[in-house]
Amino acid sequence: RRYVAGGQCKSTARLEGKVAIITGANTGIGKETARDLARRGKVIVACRDIAKAEAAASEIRAETGNQQVIVKKLDLADTKSIREFAEKFLAEEKELHILINNAGVMLCPYSKTADGFEMHLGVNHLGHFLLTFLLLECLKRSAPARIVNVSSLAHHGGRIRFHDLHGEKSYNRGLAYCHSKLANVLFTRELARRLQGKSQRRVEFTANALHPGSVHSELVRHSFVMTCLWNIFSFFLKTPQEGAQTSVYCAVAEELDSVTGQYFSDCQPAYVSPWGRDDETAKKLWSVSCELLGIQWD
């Protein structure tokens, strides 16, 4: 059981006076990440389902005694919702120190977001890409600040298929998930490169990605077979609390103050696939993402 649990974040860093946003924090590792950070400072729970988010936030407030666990509506499958979330956040908060892009979908039957993006790509990559863009200046003003992108070991099976990004020519929901997780790694790599290139000082604004492990959560809900397997082999899967450890580690660990553009698993650096280290693909994905979202991010 201890072996399955994996690495544990041992940092006792406090976050008084700091603000963290966690997407998809109403369930699974997002909820457990919010629970941990709520013991340290202020947490914004950004979720599509407000009722579930309020229930989770209420539970966390009662357990931690921290009343600064605030729910905000965010639907990553709709760019209008993302822009509304960012606009309201920036109107209400002056600083943002931690952005954890945690929310995600997995094994969805073929569908598209409100803006016509394939669902895995739209939610897991493009939604968080736009959210990060909209909050970037606030993060910079709040430095030292951190962006944490929850990717997956599944990125090893992904490829960025520029000729068919939205799966209209061929679609496999397992591979679509892998492609989107590779996009998370490439986005992190390119974002870190761009931020580092503009700073001659100590790195105070970092971006890292991570694999949380195989976690017993609701992420497989779109697949009956995977749900059955997850329940049968639950003893060999991490609990959500165990799966949240690397997210928390990337968000608060003091030893990562100047570490950026890296990929972690079990609270330590992990191997990135060759496709996840392809700088040319990362640059092209950045450009294509900006074009799809109608933004200029230089």
Foldseek 3Di string as FASTA:
>chain_A
DVVLLFAFFPDPAAQAPAEEEFEPCLWFLNVLLLLVNLLRYAYEYEYQDQVSQVVSQVVSCVVNVRPRYHYDYADLLDVVRLVVRLVVCVVPDQAHAEYEHDDAAALADFDHGPLRATRRQRRLPLSVVSNCVSCVVRNVVHWLHEYEREAAPLLLLEDCPVVQRRQPVHDDRHRNNNNSSLLSLLLQQVVQVVQVVVDPDQRGYAYEYEHLFFELICNCVNDPVVPVVCVVVVVSHHYSNSSNRLVNLRGGPPVCRRPHSFYYYSSHGDDDHPNSVDNVVSVVSSVVSCVSVVHDDD
